[in-house]
């Protein structure tokens, strides 16, 4: 992973997520790109510009100056935090963009090609509405990079203990193996995987399948178990708490119950219940 993209809206939620971004950038030796997208639109052509009322243009310019000033102040604070964290200033790259959130994020990602997107979340802030709200399907389908969502309750201590919620199917195997190798490359702990079954009967039926799945991934890379909970999000949050997981990985696939992670109330419930950062991977068909 050579580049990490961190989105900021200058909130305390973003500051909380920033510690995770710094740690991962240091561990992977990656550049940390810090991006703020100001929702300021400009006329696309001279004809459009001529139709903008002078008063409206003055307000746009005022908002632009205000956003830029806030961004500069925030950049100075983030540099101080990075210095205290031990991060080299040269590895921080700041970006200020204006326009539509989805368009800018897509174009920026295509240009910079980060390996991870980091964002703070609480279920009701501006970035949440864009990442987990009505535009979530566009983001999840168009951005093929992992998303690290850091809930407000998550408290950074370290990023060493990784867990993953799995479905025990072969489609997951390459991604799980890749993540597990990354985890072992950073520390001596294996990737801890869990499948949440709805009831004891289902858990018993899946026991043999789990053993075969573990062998497919590599028993030297992961540890896996099945837990019973009628609510998947509650089971995952409980597992992460008991196992003291620093980052819980989720595998997002279309047309499955995990698809709801990126749409509406399911993601909000998981984020609200979890005190653990969530790393969401898109599985390609």
C-alpha atoms as a PDB file:
ATOM      1  CA  UNK A   1       0.000   0.000   0.000  1.00  0.00           C
ATOM      2  CA  UNK A   2       1.762   3.127  -1.241  1.00  0.00           C
ATOM      3  CA  UNK A   3      -0.919   5.783  -0.669  1.00  0.00           C
ATOM      4  CA  UNK A   4      -3.700   6.334   1.873  1.00  0.00           C
ATOM      5  CA  UNK A   5      -6.488   8.885   1.370  1.00  0.00           C
ATOM      6  CA  UNK A   6      -7.949  10.579   4.456  1.00  0.00           C
ATOM      7  CA  UNK A   7     -11.119  12.672   4.126  1.00  0.00           C
ATOM      8  CA  UNK A   8     -11.640  15.541   6.542  1.00  0.00           C
ATOM      9  CA  UNK A   9     -14.529  17.903   7.202  1.00  0.00           C
ATOM     10  CA  UNK A  10     -12.613  19.569  10.086  1.00  0.00           C
ATOM     11  CA  UNK A  11     -14.747  17.752  12.698  1.00  0.00           C
ATOM     12  CA  UNK A  12     -13.622  15.972  15.856  1.00  0.00           C
ATOM     13  CA  UNK A  13     -14.801  12.754  14.217  1.00  0.00           C
ATOM     14  CA  UNK A  14     -12.270  13.308  11.455  1.00  0.00           C
ATOM     15  CA  UNK A  15      -9.541  14.054  14.008  1.00  0.00           C
ATOM     16  CA  UNK A  16     -10.330  10.748  15.707  1.00  0.00           C
ATOM     17  CA  UNK A  17      -9.973   8.856  12.414  1.00  0.00           C
ATOM     18  CA  UNK A  18      -6.760  10.731  11.615  1.00  0.00           C
ATOM     19  CA  UNK A  19      -4.852   8.774  14.276  1.00  0.00           C
ATOM     20  CA  UNK A  20      -5.733   5.538  12.491  1.00  0.00           C
ATOM     21  CA  UNK A  21      -4.685   6.982   9.146  1.00  0.00           C
ATOM     22  CA  UNK A  22      -1.340   8.099  10.583  1.00  0.00           C
ATOM     23  CA  UNK A  23      -0.650   4.698  12.126  1.00  0.00           C
ATOM     24  CA  UNK A  24      -1.453   2.788   8.956  1.00  0.00           C
ATOM     25  CA  UNK A  25       0.621   5.188   6.845  1.00  0.00           C
ATOM     26  CA  UNK A  26       3.574   4.680   9.170  1.00  0.00           C
ATOM     27  CA  UNK A  27       3.186   0.890   9.258  1.00  0.00           C
ATOM     28  CA  UNK A  28       2.962   0.564   5.486  1.00  0.00           C
ATOM     29  CA  UNK A  29       5.423   3.342   4.677  1.00  0.00           C
ATOM     30  CA  UNK A  30       2.662   5.028   2.681  1.00  0.00           C
ATOM     31  CA  UNK A  31       2.052   8.619   1.636  1.00  0.00           C
ATOM     32  CA  UNK A  32      -0.914  10.096   3.502  1.00  0.00           C
ATOM     33  CA  UNK A  33      -3.084  12.262   1.242  1.00  0.00           C
ATOM     34  CA  UNK A  34      -5.412  14.558   3.206  1.00  0.00           C
ATOM     35  CA  UNK A  35      -8.410  15.756   1.213  1.00  0.00           C
ATOM     36  CA  UNK A  36     -11.119  18.306   1.976  1.00  0.00           C
ATOM     37  CA  UNK A  37     -13.929  18.771  -0.537  1.00  0.00           C
ATOM     38  CA  UNK A  38     -15.703  22.125  -0.250  1.00  0.00           C
ATOM     39  CA  UNK A  39     -19.245  22.053  -1.712  1.00  0.00           C
ATOM     40  CA  UNK A  40     -18.626  25.152  -3.829  1.00  0.00           C
ATOM     41  CA  UNK A  41     -19.698  25.100  -7.464  1.00  0.00           C
ATOM     42  CA  UNK A  42     -18.349  27.403 -10.172  1.00  0.00           C
ATOM     43  CA  UNK A  43     -19.723  28.225 -13.597  1.00  0.00           C
ATOM     44  CA  UNK A  44     -18.478  25.777 -16.199  1.00  0.00           C
ATOM     45  CA  UNK A  45     -18.436  28.259 -19.088  1.00  0.00           C
ATOM     46  CA  UNK A  46     -18.094  32.012 -19.658  1.00  0.00           C
ATOM     47  CA  UNK A  47     -21.776  32.154 -20.626  1.00  0.00           C
ATOM     48  CA  UNK A  48     -22.789  30.591 -17.326  1.00  0.00           C
ATOM     49  CA  UNK A  49     -20.466  32.929 -15.437  1.00  0.00           C
ATOM     50  CA  UNK A  50     -22.086  35.960 -17.057  1.00  0.00           C
ATOM     51  CA  UNK A  51     -25.502  34.801 -15.834  1.00  0.00           C
ATOM     52  CA  UNK A  52     -24.397  34.602 -12.197  1.00  0.00           C
ATOM     53  CA  UNK A  53     -25.752  37.526 -10.181  1.00  0.00           C
ATOM     54  CA  UNK A  54     -22.991  39.737  -8.673  1.00  0.00           C
ATOM     55  CA  UNK A  55     -24.386  39.207  -5.181  1.00  0.00           C
ATOM     56  CA  UNK A  56     -24.375  35.417  -5.653  1.00  0.00           C
ATOM     57  CA  UNK A  57     -20.832  35.567  -6.989  1.00  0.00           C
ATOM     58  CA  UNK A  58     -19.724  37.588  -3.960  1.00  0.00           C
ATOM     59  CA  UNK A  59     -21.236  34.980  -1.627  1.00  0.00           C
ATOM     60  CA  UNK A  60     -19.484  32.171  -3.507  1.00  0.00           C
ATOM     61  CA  UNK A  61     -16.147  33.954  -3.230  1.00  0.00           C
ATOM     62  CA  UNK A  62     -16.734  34.595   0.483  1.00  0.00           C
ATOM     63  CA  UNK A  63     -17.485  30.899   1.093  1.00  0.00           C
ATOM     64  CA  UNK A  64     -14.401  29.956  -0.897  1.00  0.00           C
ATOM     65  CA  UNK A  65     -12.146  32.210   1.198  1.00  0.00           C
ATOM     66  CA  UNK A  66     -13.706  30.915   4.412  1.00  0.00           C
ATOM     67  CA  UNK A  67     -13.276  27.256   3.424  1.00  0.00           C
ATOM     68  CA  UNK A  68      -9.690  27.840   2.350  1.00  0.00           C
ATOM     69  CA  UNK A  69      -8.839  29.604   5.616  1.00  0.00           C
ATOM     70  CA  UNK A  70     -10.344  26.745   7.654  1.00  0.00           C
ATOM     71  CA  UNK A  71      -8.430  24.239   5.563  1.00  0.00           C
ATOM     72  CA  UNK A  72      -5.122  26.026   6.126  1.00  0.00           C
ATOM     73  CA  UNK A  73      -5.721  26.186   9.871  1.00  0.00           C
ATOM     74  CA  UNK A  74      -6.674  22.507   9.987  1.00  0.00           C
ATOM     75  CA  UNK A  75      -3.612  21.544   7.926  1.00  0.00           C
ATOM     76  CA  UNK A  76      -1.355  23.209  10.501  1.00  0.00           C
ATOM     77  CA  UNK A  77      -3.036  21.317  13.334  1.00  0.00           C
ATOM     78  CA  UNK A  78      -2.804  18.004  11.494  1.00  0.00           C
ATOM     79  CA  UNK A  79       0.894  18.597  10.849  1.00  0.00           C
ATOM     80  CA  UNK A  80       1.417  19.178  14.581  1.00  0.00           C
ATOM     81  CA  UNK A  81      -0.421  15.957  15.432  1.00  0.00           C
ATOM     82  CA  UNK A  82       1.667  14.049  12.879  1.00  0.00           C
ATOM     83  CA  UNK A  83       4.870  15.478  14.335  1.00  0.00           C
ATOM     84  CA  UNK A  84       3.871  14.388  17.837  1.00  0.00           C
ATOM     85  CA  UNK A  85       2.943  11.002  16.409  1.00  0.00           C
ATOM     86  CA  UNK A  86       6.411  10.680  14.895  1.00  0.00           C
ATOM     87  CA  UNK A  87       5.256  10.944  11.288  1.00  0.00           C
ATOM     88  CA  UNK A  88       7.538  12.768   8.849  1.00  0.00           C
ATOM     89  CA  UNK A  89       5.995  15.953   7.473  1.00  0.00           C
ATOM     90  CA  UNK A  90       7.152  15.089   3.968  1.00  0.00           C
ATOM     91  CA  UNK A  91       4.782  12.081   3.881  1.00  0.00           C
ATOM     92  CA  UNK A  92       1.697  14.297   4.368  1.00  0.00           C
ATOM     93  CA  UNK A  93       0.165  15.723   1.203  1.00  0.00           C
ATOM     94  CA  UNK A  94      -2.757  18.159   1.531  1.00  0.00           C
ATOM     95  CA  UNK A  95      -5.462  18.683  -1.092  1.00  0.00           C
ATOM     96  CA  UNK A  96      -8.252  21.267  -1.217  1.00  0.00           C
ATOM     97  CA  UNK A  97     -10.920  20.652  -3.855  1.00  0.00           C
ATOM     98  CA  UNK A  98     -14.211  22.357  -4.709  1.00  0.00           C
ATOM     99  CA  UNK A  99     -17.319  20.892  -6.291  1.00  0.00           C
ATOM    100  CA  UNK A 100     -19.609  17.866  -6.128  1.00  0.00           C
ATOM    101  CA  UNK A 101     -18.479  15.340  -3.511  1.00  0.00           C
ATOM    102  CA  UNK A 102     -19.019  12.201  -5.597  1.00  0.00           C
ATOM    103  CA  UNK A 103     -17.421  13.636  -8.739  1.00  0.00           C
ATOM    104  CA  UNK A 104     -14.389  15.035  -6.914  1.00  0.00           C
ATOM    105  CA  UNK A 105     -13.827  11.879  -4.869  1.00  0.00           C
ATOM    106  CA  UNK A 106     -14.049   9.689  -7.961  1.00  0.00           C
ATOM    107  CA  UNK A 107     -11.737  11.860 -10.068  1.00  0.00           C
ATOM    108  CA  UNK A 108      -9.264  12.306  -7.229  1.00  0.00           C
ATOM    109  CA  UNK A 109      -9.125   8.563  -6.544  1.00  0.00           C
ATOM    110  CA  UNK A 110      -8.524   7.850 -10.223  1.00  0.00           C
ATOM    111  CA  UNK A 111      -5.674  10.359 -10.258  1.00  0.00           C
ATOM    112  CA  UNK A 112      -3.958   9.508  -6.962  1.00  0.00           C
ATOM    113  CA  UNK A 113      -4.931   5.797  -6.846  1.00  0.00           C
ATOM    114  CA  UNK A 114      -4.868   5.334  -3.055  1.00  0.00           C
ATOM    115  CA  UNK A 115      -4.907   1.865  -1.532  1.00  0.00           C
ATOM    116  CA  UNK A 116      -7.224   2.848   1.327  1.00  0.00           C
ATOM    117  CA  UNK A 117      -9.849   5.507   2.090  1.00  0.00           C
ATOM    118  CA  UNK A 118     -10.138   6.609   5.763  1.00  0.00           C
ATOM    119  CA  UNK A 119     -13.111   8.533   7.185  1.00  0.00           C
ATOM    120  CA  UNK A 120     -14.568   9.267  10.628  1.00  0.00           C
ATOM    121  CA  UNK A 121     -18.224   8.362  11.115  1.00  0.00           C
ATOM    122  CA  UNK A 122     -21.046   8.724  13.629  1.00  0.00           C
ATOM    123  CA  UNK A 123     -24.103   8.033  11.504  1.00  0.00           C
ATOM    124  CA  UNK A 124     -25.242  11.641  11.229  1.00  0.00           C
ATOM    125  CA  UNK A 125     -22.360  13.850  10.107  1.00  0.00           C
ATOM    126  CA  UNK A 126     -21.904  15.332   6.635  1.00  0.00           C
ATOM    127  CA  UNK A 127     -19.393  12.732   5.454  1.00  0.00           C
ATOM    128  CA  UNK A 128     -21.680   9.933   6.650  1.00  0.00           C
ATOM    129  CA  UNK A 129     -24.513  11.255   4.541  1.00  0.00           C
ATOM    130  CA  UNK A 130     -22.262  11.064   1.503  1.00  0.00           C
ATOM    131  CA  UNK A 131     -20.460   7.795   2.280  1.00  0.00           C
ATOM    132  CA  UNK A 132     -23.326   5.826   3.870  1.00  0.00           C
ATOM    133  CA  UNK A 133     -26.326   7.797   2.615  1.00  0.00           C
ATOM    134  CA  UNK A 134     -28.065   8.146  -0.717  1.00  0.00           C
ATOM    135  CA  UNK A 135     -24.791   8.138  -2.690  1.00  0.00           C
ATOM    136  CA  UNK A 136     -23.411   4.980  -1.036  1.00  0.00           C
ATOM    137  CA  UNK A 137     -24.234   2.715  -3.959  1.00  0.00           C
ATOM    138  CA  UNK A 138     -22.330   4.991  -6.366  1.00  0.00           C
ATOM    139  CA  UNK A 139     -19.315   5.061  -4.058  1.00  0.00           C
ATOM    140  CA  UNK A 140     -19.324   1.334  -3.357  1.00  0.00           C
ATOM    141  CA  UNK A 141     -19.656   0.464  -7.034  1.00  0.00           C
ATOM    142  CA  UNK A 142     -17.213   3.029  -8.434  1.00  0.00           C
ATOM    143  CA  UNK A 143     -14.480   3.075  -5.788  1.00  0.00           C
ATOM    144  CA  UNK A 144     -12.774  -0.304  -5.633  1.00  0.00           C
ATOM    145  CA  UNK A 145     -10.530   0.563  -2.702  1.00  0.00           C
ATOM    146  CA  UNK A 146     -11.050  -0.503   0.930  1.00  0.00           C
ATOM    147  CA  UNK A 147     -12.880   1.963   3.179  1.00  0.00           C
ATOM    148  CA  UNK A 148     -11.833   2.389   6.822  1.00  0.00           C
ATOM    149  CA  UNK A 149     -14.784   3.846   8.762  1.00  0.00           C
ATOM    150  CA  UNK A 150     -13.828   4.955  12.289  1.00  0.00           C
ATOM    151  CA  UNK A 151     -16.852   5.280  14.630  1.00  0.00           C
ATOM    152  CA  UNK A 152     -17.034   8.105  17.146  1.00  0.00           C
ATOM    153  CA  UNK A 153     -16.710   5.615  20.030  1.00  0.00           C
ATOM    154  CA  UNK A 154     -13.498   4.078  18.658  1.00  0.00           C
ATOM    155  CA  UNK A 155     -10.481   5.111  20.701  1.00  0.00           C
ATOM    156  CA  UNK A 156      -7.102   4.779  19.052  1.00  0.00           C
ATOM    157  CA  UNK A 157      -4.495   2.836  20.992  1.00  0.00           C
ATOM    158  CA  UNK A 158      -2.798   0.861  18.244  1.00  0.00           C
ATOM    159  CA  UNK A 159      -3.602  -0.927  15.008  1.00  0.00           C
ATOM    160  CA  UNK A 160      -2.260  -4.422  15.560  1.00  0.00           C
ATOM    161  CA  UNK A 161      -5.179  -6.764  16.142  1.00  0.00           C
ATOM    162  CA  UNK A 162      -7.238  -7.346  12.990  1.00  0.00           C
ATOM    163  CA  UNK A 163     -10.491  -9.303  12.742  1.00  0.00           C
ATOM    164  CA  UNK A 164     -12.755 -10.129   9.806  1.00  0.00           C
ATOM    165  CA  UNK A 165     -16.414 -11.035   9.431  1.00  0.00           C
ATOM    166  CA  UNK A 166     -16.741 -13.774   6.787  1.00  0.00           C
ATOM    167  CA  UNK A 167     -19.372 -15.806   4.948  1.00  0.00           C
ATOM    168  CA  UNK A 168     -17.202 -18.906   4.423  1.00  0.00           C
ATOM    169  CA  UNK A 169     -17.457 -18.883   0.630  1.00  0.00           C
ATOM    170  CA  UNK A 170     -14.693 -19.280  -1.937  1.00  0.00           C
ATOM    171  CA  UNK A 171     -15.198 -15.785  -3.360  1.00  0.00           C
ATOM    172  CA  UNK A 172     -13.702 -14.376  -0.164  1.00  0.00           C
ATOM    173  CA  UNK A 173     -10.592 -16.541  -0.105  1.00  0.00           C
ATOM    174  CA  UNK A 174      -8.192 -14.368  -2.198  1.00  0.00           C
ATOM    175  CA  UNK A 175      -9.072 -11.185  -0.268  1.00  0.00           C
ATOM    176  CA  UNK A 176      -8.880 -12.886   3.131  1.00  0.00           C
ATOM    177  CA  UNK A 177      -5.527 -14.441   2.264  1.00  0.00           C
ATOM    178  CA  UNK A 178      -4.166 -11.104   1.049  1.00  0.00           C
ATOM    179  CA  UNK A 179      -5.289  -9.267   4.197  1.00  0.00           C
ATOM    180  CA  UNK A 180      -3.962 -12.063   6.427  1.00  0.00           C
ATOM    181  CA  UNK A 181      -0.520 -11.858   4.813  1.00  0.00           C
ATOM    182  CA  UNK A 182      -0.509  -8.095   5.334  1.00  0.00           C
ATOM    183  CA  UNK A 183      -1.445  -8.567   8.987  1.00  0.00           C
ATOM    184  CA  UNK A 184       1.285 -11.125   9.603  1.00  0.00           C
ATOM    185  CA  UNK A 185       3.730  -8.832   7.850  1.00  0.00           C
ATOM    186  CA  UNK A 186       3.044  -6.137  10.456  1.00  0.00           C
ATOM    187  CA  UNK A 187       2.970  -8.319  13.599  1.00  0.00           C
ATOM    188  CA  UNK A 188       2.962 -11.925  14.774  1.00  0.00           C
ATOM    189  CA  UNK A 189      -0.802 -12.213  15.302  1.00  0.00           C
ATOM    190  CA  UNK A 190      -2.923 -14.123  12.829  1.00  0.00           C
ATOM    191  CA  UNK A 191      -6.008 -12.590  11.220  1.00  0.00           C
ATOM    192  CA  UNK A 192      -9.000 -13.540  13.379  1.00  0.00           C
ATOM    193  CA  UNK A 193     -12.082 -14.485  11.340  1.00  0.00           C
ATOM    194  CA  UNK A 194     -15.646 -14.977  12.516  1.00  0.00           C
ATOM    195  CA  UNK A 195     -18.881 -16.109  10.902  1.00  0.00           C
ATOM    196  CA  UNK A 196     -22.132 -15.106  12.621  1.00  0.00           C
ATOM    197  CA  UNK A 197     -24.746 -17.873  12.418  1.00  0.00           C
ATOM    198  CA  UNK A 198     -28.421 -17.182  13.121  1.00  0.00           C
ATOM    199  CA  UNK A 199     -28.873 -20.196  15.418  1.00  0.00           C
ATOM    200  CA  UNK A 200     -27.136 -23.263  16.835  1.00  0.00           C
ATOM    201  CA  UNK A 201     -28.495 -25.495  14.091  1.00  0.00           C
ATOM    202  CA  UNK A 202     -26.930 -23.357  11.392  1.00  0.00           C
ATOM    203  CA  UNK A 203     -23.669 -23.188  13.334  1.00  0.00           C
ATOM    204  CA  UNK A 204     -23.478 -26.975  13.556  1.00  0.00           C
ATOM    205  CA  UNK A 205     -24.235 -27.376   9.863  1.00  0.00           C
ATOM    206  CA  UNK A 206     -21.426 -24.953   8.932  1.00  0.00           C
ATOM    207  CA  UNK A 207     -18.729 -26.478  11.139  1.00  0.00           C
ATOM    208  CA  UNK A 208     -17.261 -28.770   8.453  1.00  0.00           C
ATOM    209  CA  UNK A 209     -17.547 -26.031   5.838  1.00  0.00           C
ATOM    210  CA  UNK A 210     -15.545 -23.683   8.056  1.00  0.00           C
ATOM    211  CA  UNK A 211     -12.724 -26.225   8.411  1.00  0.00           C
ATOM    212  CA  UNK A 212     -12.501 -26.604   4.627  1.00  0.00           C
ATOM    213  CA  UNK A 213     -12.623 -22.832   4.187  1.00  0.00           C
ATOM    214  CA  UNK A 214      -9.778 -22.309   6.666  1.00  0.00           C
ATOM    215  CA  UNK A 215      -7.634 -24.789   4.753  1.00  0.00           C
ATOM    216  CA  UNK A 216      -8.406 -22.924   1.503  1.00  0.00           C
ATOM    217  CA  UNK A 217      -7.199 -19.645   3.008  1.00  0.00           C
ATOM    218  CA  UNK A 218      -4.296 -21.155   4.957  1.00  0.00           C
ATOM    219  CA  UNK A 219      -4.414 -22.350   8.551  1.00  0.00           C
ATOM    220  CA  UNK A 220      -1.044 -20.696   9.131  1.00  0.00           C
ATOM    221  CA  UNK A 221      -2.557 -17.294   8.290  1.00  0.00           C
ATOM    222  CA  UNK A 222      -5.877 -17.163  10.147  1.00  0.00           C
ATOM    223  CA  UNK A 223      -7.866 -18.324  13.147  1.00  0.00           C
ATOM    224  CA  UNK A 224     -11.609 -18.792  12.597  1.00  0.00           C
ATOM    225  CA  UNK A 225     -14.709 -19.473  14.654  1.00  0.00           C
ATOM    226  CA  UNK A 226     -18.496 -19.506  14.354  1.00  0.00           C
ATOM    227  CA  UNK A 227     -20.637 -17.498  16.769  1.00  0.00           C
ATOM    228  CA  UNK A 228     -24.407 -17.533  17.159  1.00  0.00           C
ATOM    229  CA  UNK A 229     -26.386 -14.299  17.119  1.00  0.00           C
ATOM    230  CA  UNK A 230     -29.712 -13.572  15.359  1.00  0.00           C
ATOM    231  CA  UNK A 231     -28.451 -10.070  14.549  1.00  0.00           C
ATOM    232  CA  UNK A 232     -25.301 -10.053  12.449  1.00  0.00           C
ATOM    233  CA  UNK A 233     -24.266  -6.504  13.353  1.00  0.00           C
ATOM    234  CA  UNK A 234     -24.645  -7.189  17.083  1.00  0.00           C
ATOM    235  CA  UNK A 235     -22.658 -10.405  16.799  1.00  0.00           C
ATOM    236  CA  UNK A 236     -19.819  -8.700  14.947  1.00  0.00           C
ATOM    237  CA  UNK A 237     -19.680  -5.796  17.399  1.00  0.00           C
ATOM    238  CA  UNK A 238     -19.695  -8.183  20.372  1.00  0.00           C
ATOM    239  CA  UNK A 239     -16.940 -10.306  18.833  1.00  0.00           C
ATOM    240  CA  UNK A 240     -14.773  -7.247  18.178  1.00  0.00           C
ATOM    241  CA  UNK A 241     -15.171  -6.070  21.766  1.00  0.00           C
ATOM    242  CA  UNK A 242     -14.417  -9.446  23.365  1.00  0.00           C
ATOM    243  CA  UNK A 243     -11.407 -10.103  21.134  1.00  0.00           C
ATOM    244  CA  UNK A 244     -10.104  -6.523  21.537  1.00  0.00           C
ATOM    245  CA  UNK A 245     -10.014  -6.101  17.778  1.00  0.00           C
ATOM    246  CA  UNK A 246      -8.452  -2.815  16.630  1.00  0.00           C
ATOM    247  CA  UNK A 247      -9.830  -3.027  13.078  1.00  0.00           C
ATOM    248  CA  UNK A 248     -12.755  -5.236  12.029  1.00  0.00           C
ATOM    249  CA  UNK A 249     -12.750  -6.062   8.316  1.00  0.00           C
ATOM    250  CA  UNK A 250     -16.017  -6.531   6.426  1.00  0.00           C
ATOM    251  CA  UNK A 251     -16.306  -8.075   2.962  1.00  0.00           C
ATOM    252  CA  UNK A 252     -18.901  -6.217   0.910  1.00  0.00           C
ATOM    253  CA  UNK A 253     -20.573  -8.081  -1.935  1.00  0.00           C
ATOM    254  CA  UNK A 254     -23.572  -7.146  -4.061  1.00  0.00           C
ATOM    255  CA  UNK A 255     -26.922  -8.847  -3.481  1.00  0.00           C
ATOM    256  CA  UNK A 256     -26.130 -10.171   0.001  1.00  0.00           C
ATOM    257  CA  UNK A 257     -27.039  -9.160   3.510  1.00  0.00           C
ATOM    258  CA  UNK A 258     -23.658  -7.448   3.901  1.00  0.00           C
ATOM    259  CA  UNK A 259     -24.661  -5.181   1.031  1.00  0.00           C
ATOM    260  CA  UNK A 260     -26.743  -3.318   3.599  1.00  0.00           C
ATOM    261  CA  UNK A 261     -23.537  -2.194   5.309  1.00  0.00           C
ATOM    262  CA  UNK A 262     -23.300   0.534   2.694  1.00  0.00           C
ATOM    263  CA  UNK A 263     -27.005   1.364   2.616  1.00  0.00           C
ATOM    264  CA  UNK A 264     -29.089   2.989   5.301  1.00  0.00           C
ATOM    265  CA  UNK A 265     -29.931   1.713   8.761  1.00  0.00           C
ATOM    266  CA  UNK A 266     -27.834  -1.489   8.795  1.00  0.00           C
ATOM    267  CA  UNK A 267     -24.566   0.401   8.520  1.00  0.00           C
ATOM    268  CA  UNK A 268     -25.727   2.971  11.039  1.00  0.00           C
ATOM    269  CA  UNK A 269     -26.611   0.282  13.602  1.00  0.00           C
ATOM    270  CA  UNK A 270     -23.245  -1.435  13.174  1.00  0.00           C
ATOM    271  CA  UNK A 271     -21.339   1.836  13.481  1.00  0.00           C
ATOM    272  CA  UNK A 272     -23.389   2.943  16.472  1.00  0.00           C
ATOM    273  CA  UNK A 273     -22.892  -0.358  18.309  1.00  0.00           C
ATOM    274  CA  UNK A 274     -19.252  -0.780  17.426  1.00  0.00           C
ATOM    275  CA  UNK A 275     -16.354   0.753  19.272  1.00  0.00           C
ATOM    276  CA  UNK A 276     -14.090  -0.674  16.611  1.00  0.00           C
ATOM    277  CA  UNK A 277     -12.855   0.788  13.335  1.00  0.00           C
ATOM    278  CA  UNK A 278     -14.447  -0.986  10.347  1.00  0.00           C
ATOM    279  CA  UNK A 279     -12.491  -1.730   7.177  1.00  0.00           C
ATOM    280  CA  UNK A 280     -14.853  -2.525   4.293  1.00  0.00           C
ATOM    281  CA  UNK A 281     -13.595  -4.372   1.231  1.00  0.00           C
ATOM    282  CA  UNK A 282     -15.440  -4.556  -2.078  1.00  0.00           C
ATOM    283  CA  UNK A 283     -15.468  -8.058  -3.514  1.00  0.00           C
ATOM    284  CA  UNK A 284     -15.438  -8.165  -7.291  1.00  0.00           C
ATOM    285  CA  UNK A 285     -17.754 -10.649  -8.936  1.00  0.00           C
END
